[in-house]
Amino acid sequence: MTGLDGLAAIGLLLVIEGVLPFAAPAIWRDGFRRMLELSDGQLRFIGATSMLGGLFLLMMLN
């Protein structure tokens, strides 16, 4: 992976992350409000699950 591939990956991440706030800001805001109510342990579990899912997807693509 070159530096340009990494920048392309970050750019794609930003595009995907921006779709929901752009398309449905009220739904995004409600989801964000609900996340604020979660405990640290619940947020860590969601983060770990997301990272493991992303790693698995990257491994499957290579």
Protein backbone atom coordinates (compact mmCIF):
# COMPACT_ATOMS: atom_id res chain seq x y z
CA MET A 1 0.00 0.00 0.00
CA THR A 2 1.41 3.33 -0.97
CA GLY A 3 0.87 6.66 0.71
CA LEU A 4 -1.64 7.58 -1.97
CA ASP A 5 -3.65 4.43 -1.22
CA GLY A 6 -3.80 5.45 2.43
CA LEU A 7 -4.99 8.94 1.51
CA ALA A 8 -7.60 7.44 -0.82
CA ALA A 9 -8.81 5.20 2.01
CA ILE A 10 -9.10 8.17 4.38
CA GLY A 11 -10.93 10.15 1.70
CA LEU A 12 -13.39 7.30 1.16
CA LEU A 13 -13.93 7.03 4.91
CA LEU A 14 -14.75 10.75 5.10
CA VAL A 15 -17.21 10.47 2.22
CA ILE A 16 -18.98 7.51 3.83
CA GLU A 17 -19.02 9.19 7.25
CA GLY A 18 -20.56 12.33 5.74
CA VAL A 19 -23.44 10.67 3.90
CA LEU A 20 -25.83 10.29 6.86
CA PRO A 21 -25.39 13.80 8.33
CA PHE A 22 -25.88 15.22 4.84
CA ALA A 23 -28.85 13.07 3.81
CA ALA A 24 -30.68 12.76 7.14
CA PRO A 25 -29.36 15.18 9.76
CA ALA A 26 -32.23 14.59 12.23
CA ILE A 27 -31.67 10.83 12.23
CA TRP A 28 -27.91 11.34 12.59
CA ARG A 29 -28.41 13.76 15.49
CA ASP A 30 -30.77 11.32 17.25
CA GLY A 31 -28.27 8.48 16.82
CA PHE A 32 -25.46 10.66 18.12
CA ARG A 33 -27.59 11.63 21.14
CA ARG A 34 -28.23 7.94 21.87
CA MET A 35 -24.50 7.18 21.66
CA LEU A 36 -23.82 9.87 24.26
CA GLU A 37 -26.03 7.94 26.69
CA LEU A 38 -24.01 4.71 26.35
CA SER A 39 -21.48 3.73 29.00
CA ASP A 40 -17.75 3.70 28.29
CA GLY A 41 -17.77 -0.10 28.19
CA GLN A 42 -20.56 -0.19 25.61
CA LEU A 43 -18.76 2.35 23.43
CA ARG A 44 -15.52 0.37 23.69
CA PHE A 45 -17.35 -2.80 22.65
CA ILE A 46 -18.86 -1.04 19.63
CA GLY A 47 -15.45 0.40 18.71
CA ALA A 48 -13.69 -2.96 19.09
CA THR A 49 -16.37 -4.73 17.03
CA SER A 50 -16.07 -2.08 14.32
CA MET A 51 -12.27 -2.37 14.22
CA LEU A 52 -12.37 -6.17 14.08
CA GLY A 53 -14.98 -6.06 11.32
CA GLY A 54 -12.84 -3.62 9.34
CA LEU A 55 -9.73 -5.77 9.82
CA PHE A 56 -11.64 -8.85 8.71
CA LEU A 57 -12.90 -7.04 5.61
CA LEU A 58 -9.37 -5.85 4.76
CA MET A 59 -8.00 -9.37 5.20
CA MET A 60 -10.71 -10.76 2.91
CA LEU A 61 -9.87 -8.19 0.22
CA ASN A 62 -6.16 -9.06 0.21
